[in-house]
Amino acid sequence: MHAYIVKTGDGYLYPFADDVSLTDHEDQAGHFLSMDEAHRVAQGRGYREGSYDVLAVDVDVHKLIRQ
């Protein structure tokens, strides 16, 4: 299954304490269920189109279960 991660010039976005933070490690990046969701989160954090990349990654479906 594919999920999407956001890579910015500052690092990868990942959820932390009901917010979004940054990490240098791709394996710690937050997984988004759609490209649209990934774009919305990046733009909501102030990144403009073209200043970040949304990358498709293969993930285990069980890791995407959200509570």
PDB file of N, CA and C in Angstrom:
ATOM      1  N   MET A   1       0.841  -1.171   0.000  1.00  0.00           N
ATOM      2  CA  MET A   1       0.000   0.000   0.000  1.00  0.00           C
ATOM      3  C   MET A   1       0.890   1.238   0.000  1.00  0.00           C
ATOM      4  N   HIS A   2       0.419   2.293  -0.660  1.00  0.00           N
ATOM      5  CA  HIS A   2       1.155   3.554  -0.685  1.00  0.00           C
ATOM      6  C   HIS A   2       0.620   4.521   0.361  1.00  0.00           C
ATOM      7  N   ALA A   3       1.521   5.253   0.930  1.00  0.00           N
ATOM      8  CA  ALA A   3       1.198   6.415   1.754  1.00  0.00           C
ATOM      9  C   ALA A   3       2.081   7.531   1.217  1.00  0.00           C
ATOM     10  N   TYR A   4       1.923   8.699   1.760  1.00  0.00           N
ATOM     11  CA  TYR A   4       2.661   9.851   1.256  1.00  0.00           C
ATOM     12  C   TYR A   4       3.358  10.553   2.407  1.00  0.00           C
ATOM     13  N   ILE A   5       4.583  11.007   2.147  1.00  0.00           N
ATOM     14  CA  ILE A   5       5.338  11.776   3.123  1.00  0.00           C
ATOM     15  C   ILE A   5       5.692  13.121   2.500  1.00  0.00           C
ATOM     16  N   VAL A   6       5.987  14.087   3.347  1.00  0.00           N
ATOM     17  CA  VAL A   6       6.328  15.431   2.875  1.00  0.00           C
ATOM     18  C   VAL A   6       7.786  15.717   3.216  1.00  0.00           C
ATOM     19  N   LYS A   7       8.563  16.028   2.164  1.00  0.00           N
ATOM     20  CA  LYS A   7       9.966  16.400   2.340  1.00  0.00           C
ATOM     21  C   LYS A   7      10.106  17.886   2.029  1.00  0.00           C
ATOM     22  N   THR A   8      10.620  18.632   2.986  1.00  0.00           N
ATOM     23  CA  THR A   8      10.847  20.069   2.801  1.00  0.00           C
ATOM     24  C   THR A   8      12.352  20.330   2.851  1.00  0.00           C
ATOM     25  N   GLY A   9      12.747  21.535   2.595  1.00  0.00           N
ATOM     26  CA  GLY A   9      14.149  21.903   2.737  1.00  0.00           C
ATOM     27  C   GLY A   9      14.615  21.847   4.178  1.00  0.00           C
ATOM     28  N   ASP A  10      13.659  21.846   5.099  1.00  0.00           N
ATOM     29  CA  ASP A  10      13.958  21.798   6.531  1.00  0.00           C
ATOM     30  C   ASP A  10      13.957  20.388   7.097  1.00  0.00           C
ATOM     31  N   GLY A  11      13.437  19.432   6.353  1.00  0.00           N
ATOM     32  CA  GLY A  11      13.338  18.054   6.818  1.00  0.00           C
ATOM     33  C   GLY A  11      11.994  17.460   6.439  1.00  0.00           C
ATOM     34  N   TYR A  12      11.692  16.303   7.002  1.00  0.00           N
ATOM     35  CA  TYR A  12      10.429  15.609   6.757  1.00  0.00           C
ATOM     36  C   TYR A  12       9.420  15.998   7.831  1.00  0.00           C
ATOM     37  N   LEU A  13       8.178  16.205   7.421  1.00  0.00           N
ATOM     38  CA  LEU A  13       7.135  16.515   8.395  1.00  0.00           C
ATOM     39  C   LEU A  13       6.717  15.246   9.130  1.00  0.00           C
ATOM     40  N   TYR A  14       6.480  15.380  10.433  1.00  0.00           N
ATOM     41  CA  TYR A  14       5.927  14.260  11.193  1.00  0.00           C
ATOM     42  C   TYR A  14       5.047  14.792  12.315  1.00  0.00           C
ATOM     43  N   PRO A  15       3.973  14.052  12.620  1.00  0.00           N
ATOM     44  CA  PRO A  15       3.063  14.497  13.678  1.00  0.00           C
ATOM     45  C   PRO A  15       3.720  14.347  15.049  1.00  0.00           C
ATOM     46  N   PHE A  16       3.463  15.333  15.905  1.00  0.00           N
ATOM     47  CA  PHE A  16       4.021  15.298  17.254  1.00  0.00           C
ATOM     48  C   PHE A  16       3.132  16.129  18.165  1.00  0.00           C
ATOM     49  N   ALA A  17       2.588  15.515  19.200  1.00  0.00           N
ATOM     50  CA  ALA A  17       1.793  16.207  20.224  1.00  0.00           C
ATOM     51  C   ALA A  17       0.697  17.077  19.609  1.00  0.00           C
ATOM     52  N   ASP A  18      -0.143  16.477  18.784  1.00  0.00           N
ATOM     53  CA  ASP A  18      -1.260  17.177  18.134  1.00  0.00           C
ATOM     54  C   ASP A  18      -0.812  18.331  17.251  1.00  0.00           C
ATOM     55  N   ASP A  19       0.412  18.277  16.754  1.00  0.00           N
ATOM     56  CA  ASP A  19       0.949  19.293  15.860  1.00  0.00           C
ATOM     57  C   ASP A  19       1.818  18.573  14.835  1.00  0.00           C
ATOM     58  N   VAL A  20       2.568  19.319  14.069  1.00  0.00           N
ATOM     59  CA  VAL A  20       3.489  18.739  13.096  1.00  0.00           C
ATOM     60  C   VAL A  20       4.863  19.321  13.364  1.00  0.00           C
ATOM     61  N   SER A  21       5.873  18.464  13.359  1.00  0.00           N
ATOM     62  CA  SER A  21       7.241  18.897  13.592  1.00  0.00           C
ATOM     63  C   SER A  21       8.101  18.429  12.422  1.00  0.00           C
ATOM     64  N   LEU A  22       9.411  18.503  12.571  1.00  0.00           N
ATOM     65  CA  LEU A  22      10.340  18.121  11.509  1.00  0.00           C
ATOM     66  C   LEU A  22      11.325  17.082  12.009  1.00  0.00           C
ATOM     67  N   THR A  23      11.761  16.216  11.098  1.00  0.00           N
ATOM     68  CA  THR A  23      12.803  15.247  11.393  1.00  0.00           C
ATOM     69  C   THR A  23      13.720  15.151  10.179  1.00  0.00           C
ATOM     70  N   ASP A  24      14.961  14.769  10.411  1.00  0.00           N
ATOM     71  CA  ASP A  24      15.911  14.552   9.316  1.00  0.00           C
ATOM     72  C   ASP A  24      15.810  13.137   8.763  1.00  0.00           C
ATOM     73  N   HIS A  25      15.040  12.292   9.420  1.00  0.00           N
ATOM     74  CA  HIS A  25      15.005  10.868   9.085  1.00  0.00           C
ATOM     75  C   HIS A  25      13.720  10.500   8.343  1.00  0.00           C
ATOM     76  N   GLU A  26      13.876  10.024   7.122  1.00  0.00           N
ATOM     77  CA  GLU A  26      12.714   9.661   6.305  1.00  0.00           C
ATOM     78  C   GLU A  26      11.844   8.610   6.987  1.00  0.00           C
ATOM     79  N   ASP A  27      12.466   7.668   7.700  1.00  0.00           N
ATOM     80  CA  ASP A  27      11.682   6.602   8.334  1.00  0.00           C
ATOM     81  C   ASP A  27      10.843   7.102   9.512  1.00  0.00           C
ATOM     82  N   GLN A  28      11.053   8.342   9.957  1.00  0.00           N
ATOM     83  CA  GLN A  28      10.248   8.928  11.027  1.00  0.00           C
ATOM     84  C   GLN A  28       9.186   9.890  10.494  1.00  0.00           C
ATOM     85  N   ALA A  29       9.155  10.064   9.178  1.00  0.00           N
ATOM     86  CA  ALA A  29       8.202  11.004   8.570  1.00  0.00           C
ATOM     87  C   ALA A  29       6.769  10.542   8.802  1.00  0.00           C
ATOM     88  N   GLY A  30       5.873  11.504   8.917  1.00  0.00           N
ATOM     89  CA  GLY A  30       4.452  11.191   9.059  1.00  0.00           C
ATOM     90  C   GLY A  30       3.891  10.646   7.764  1.00  0.00           C
ATOM     91  N   HIS A  31       3.049   9.641   7.855  1.00  0.00           N
ATOM     92  CA  HIS A  31       2.410   9.047   6.680  1.00  0.00           C
ATOM     93  C   HIS A  31       1.014   9.622   6.503  1.00  0.00           C
ATOM     94  N   PHE A  32       0.753  10.090   5.306  1.00  0.00           N
ATOM     95  CA  PHE A  32      -0.554  10.646   4.972  1.00  0.00           C
ATOM     96  C   PHE A  32      -1.250   9.698   4.008  1.00  0.00           C
ATOM     97  N   LEU A  33      -2.561   9.610   4.115  1.00  0.00           N
ATOM     98  CA  LEU A  33      -3.326   8.650   3.322  1.00  0.00           C
ATOM     99  C   LEU A  33      -3.524   9.080   1.879  1.00  0.00           C
ATOM    100  N   SER A  34      -3.387  10.369   1.596  1.00  0.00           N
ATOM    101  CA  SER A  34      -3.559  10.853   0.222  1.00  0.00           C
ATOM    102  C   SER A  34      -2.586  11.991  -0.041  1.00  0.00           C
ATOM    103  N   MET A  35      -2.329  12.226  -1.326  1.00  0.00           N
ATOM    104  CA  MET A  35      -1.482  13.358  -1.698  1.00  0.00           C
ATOM    105  C   MET A  35      -2.130  14.663  -1.262  1.00  0.00           C
ATOM    106  N   ASP A  36      -3.452  14.731  -1.383  1.00  0.00           N
ATOM    107  CA  ASP A  36      -4.176  15.941  -1.002  1.00  0.00           C
ATOM    108  C   ASP A  36      -3.968  16.256   0.480  1.00  0.00           C
ATOM    109  N   GLU A  37      -4.067  15.238   1.323  1.00  0.00           N
ATOM    110  CA  GLU A  37      -3.854  15.439   2.759  1.00  0.00           C
ATOM    111  C   GLU A  37      -2.428  15.925   3.023  1.00  0.00           C
ATOM    112  N   ALA A  38      -1.451  15.332   2.353  1.00  0.00           N
ATOM    113  CA  ALA A  38      -0.057  15.737   2.528  1.00  0.00           C
ATOM    114  C   ALA A  38       0.143  17.193   2.110  1.00  0.00           C
ATOM    115  N   HIS A  39      -0.442  17.584   0.980  1.00  0.00           N
ATOM    116  CA  HIS A  39      -0.347  18.980   0.524  1.00  0.00           C
ATOM    117  C   HIS A  39      -1.000  19.927   1.531  1.00  0.00           C
ATOM    118  N   ARG A  40      -2.183  19.570   2.030  1.00  0.00           N
ATOM    119  CA  ARG A  40      -2.887  20.433   2.989  1.00  0.00           C
ATOM    120  C   ARG A  40      -2.061  20.649   4.259  1.00  0.00           C
ATOM    121  N   VAL A  41      -1.451  19.576   4.757  1.00  0.00           N
ATOM    122  CA  VAL A  41      -0.646  19.689   5.974  1.00  0.00           C
ATOM    123  C   VAL A  41       0.576  20.572   5.714  1.00  0.00           C
ATOM    124  N   ALA A  42       1.272  20.339   4.609  1.00  0.00           N
ATOM    125  CA  ALA A  42       2.461  21.145   4.293  1.00  0.00           C
ATOM    126  C   ALA A  42       2.094  22.617   4.144  1.00  0.00           C
ATOM    127  N   GLN A  43       1.034  22.892   3.412  1.00  0.00           N
ATOM    128  CA  GLN A  43       0.631  24.279   3.196  1.00  0.00           C
ATOM    129  C   GLN A  43       0.098  24.901   4.480  1.00  0.00           C
ATOM    130  N   GLY A  44      -0.512  24.100   5.325  1.00  0.00           N
ATOM    131  CA  GLY A  44      -0.978  24.583   6.616  1.00  0.00           C
ATOM    132  C   GLY A  44       0.166  24.966   7.547  1.00  0.00           C
ATOM    133  N   ARG A  45       1.341  24.409   7.295  1.00  0.00           N
ATOM    134  CA  ARG A  45       2.535  24.741   8.082  1.00  0.00           C
ATOM    135  C   ARG A  45       3.319  25.887   7.443  1.00  0.00           C
ATOM    136  N   GLY A  46       2.775  26.475   6.362  1.00  0.00           N
ATOM    137  CA  GLY A  46       3.410  27.642   5.755  1.00  0.00           C
ATOM    138  C   GLY A  46       4.286  27.360   4.553  1.00  0.00           C
ATOM    139  N   TYR A  47       4.378  26.105   4.138  1.00  0.00           N
ATOM    140  CA  TYR A  47       5.168  25.786   2.948  1.00  0.00           C
ATOM    141  C   TYR A  47       4.331  26.059   1.705  1.00  0.00           C
ATOM    142  N   ARG A  48       4.953  26.668   0.723  1.00  0.00           N
ATOM    143  CA  ARG A  48       4.255  26.978  -0.524  1.00  0.00           C
ATOM    144  C   ARG A  48       4.543  25.907  -1.562  1.00  0.00           C
ATOM    145  N   GLU A  49       3.596  25.733  -2.470  1.00  0.00           N
ATOM    146  CA  GLU A  49       3.761  24.784  -3.575  1.00  0.00           C
ATOM    147  C   GLU A  49       5.121  25.022  -4.231  1.00  0.00           C
ATOM    148  N   GLY A  50       5.887  23.968  -4.409  1.00  0.00           N
ATOM    149  CA  GLY A  50       7.217  24.073  -4.998  1.00  0.00           C
ATOM    150  C   GLY A  50       8.334  24.129  -3.967  1.00  0.00           C
ATOM    151  N   SER A  51       7.988  24.385  -2.701  1.00  0.00           N
ATOM    152  CA  SER A  51       9.015  24.431  -1.655  1.00  0.00           C
ATOM    153  C   SER A  51       9.081  23.121  -0.867  1.00  0.00           C
ATOM    154  N   TYR A  52       8.308  22.147  -1.291  1.00  0.00           N
ATOM    155  CA  TYR A  52       8.307  20.832  -0.651  1.00  0.00           C
ATOM    156  C   TYR A  52       7.939  19.786  -1.697  1.00  0.00           C
ATOM    157  N   ASP A  53       8.230  18.539  -1.396  1.00  0.00           N
ATOM    158  CA  ASP A  53       7.867  17.420  -2.264  1.00  0.00           C
ATOM    159  C   ASP A  53       6.992  16.458  -1.486  1.00  0.00           C
ATOM    160  N   VAL A  54       5.995  15.918  -2.159  1.00  0.00           N
ATOM    161  CA  VAL A  54       5.185  14.841  -1.600  1.00  0.00           C
ATOM    162  C   VAL A  54       5.662  13.562  -2.276  1.00  0.00           C
ATOM    163  N   LEU A  55       6.132  12.623  -1.477  1.00  0.00           N
ATOM    164  CA  LEU A  55       6.702  11.382  -1.981  1.00  0.00           C
ATOM    165  C   LEU A  55       5.817  10.196  -1.625  1.00  0.00           C
ATOM    166  N   ALA A  56       5.604   9.312  -2.585  1.00  0.00           N
ATOM    167  CA  ALA A  56       4.866   8.071  -2.322  1.00  0.00           C
ATOM    168  C   ALA A  56       5.840   7.049  -1.745  1.00  0.00           C
ATOM    169  N   VAL A  57       5.425   6.375  -0.689  1.00  0.00           N
ATOM    170  CA  VAL A  57       6.241   5.333  -0.070  1.00  0.00           C
ATOM    171  C   VAL A  57       5.377   4.096   0.151  1.00  0.00           C
ATOM    172  N   ASP A  58       5.998   2.931   0.069  1.00  0.00           N
ATOM    173  CA  ASP A  58       5.294   1.687   0.373  1.00  0.00           C
ATOM    174  C   ASP A  58       5.286   1.492   1.882  1.00  0.00           C
ATOM    175  N   VAL A  59       4.126   1.165   2.423  1.00  0.00           N
ATOM    176  CA  VAL A  59       4.010   0.947   3.867  1.00  0.00           C
ATOM    177  C   VAL A  59       3.130  -0.260   4.148  1.00  0.00           C
ATOM    178  N   ASP A  60       3.308  -0.803   5.329  1.00  0.00           N
ATOM    179  CA  ASP A  60       2.451  -1.868   5.828  1.00  0.00           C
ATOM    180  C   ASP A  60       1.122  -1.236   6.232  1.00  0.00           C
ATOM    181  N   VAL A  61       0.021  -1.766   5.742  1.00  0.00           N
ATOM    182  CA  VAL A  61      -1.299  -1.186   6.007  1.00  0.00           C
ATOM    183  C   VAL A  61      -1.575  -1.063   7.505  1.00  0.00           C
ATOM    184  N   HIS A  62      -1.034  -1.944   8.320  1.00  0.00           N
ATOM    185  CA  HIS A  62      -1.268  -1.903   9.769  1.00  0.00           C
ATOM    186  C   HIS A  62      -0.624  -0.680  10.427  1.00  0.00           C
ATOM    187  N   LYS A  63       0.416  -0.130   9.799  1.00  0.00           N
ATOM    188  CA  LYS A  63       1.059   1.061  10.346  1.00  0.00           C
ATOM    189  C   LYS A  63       0.242   2.316  10.077  1.00  0.00           C
ATOM    190  N   LEU A  64      -0.747   2.219   9.193  1.00  0.00           N
ATOM    191  CA  LEU A  64      -1.560   3.380   8.845  1.00  0.00           C
ATOM    192  C   LEU A  64      -2.830   3.476   9.663  1.00  0.00           C
ATOM    193  N   ILE A  65      -3.103   2.498  10.490  1.00  0.00           N
ATOM    194  CA  ILE A  65      -4.314   2.534  11.304  1.00  0.00           C
ATOM    195  C   ILE A  65      -4.196   3.681  12.296  1.00  0.00           C
ATOM    196  N   ARG A  66      -5.175   4.573  12.252  1.00  0.00           N
ATOM    197  CA  ARG A  66      -5.144   5.753  13.116  1.00  0.00           C
ATOM    198  C   ARG A  66      -6.187   5.607  14.202  1.00  0.00           C
ATOM    199  N   GLN A  67      -5.856   6.092  15.375  1.00  0.00           N
ATOM    200  CA  GLN A  67      -6.794   5.998  16.488  1.00  0.00           C
ATOM    201  C   GLN A  67      -7.587   7.256  16.628  1.00  0.00           C
TER     202      GLN A  67
END
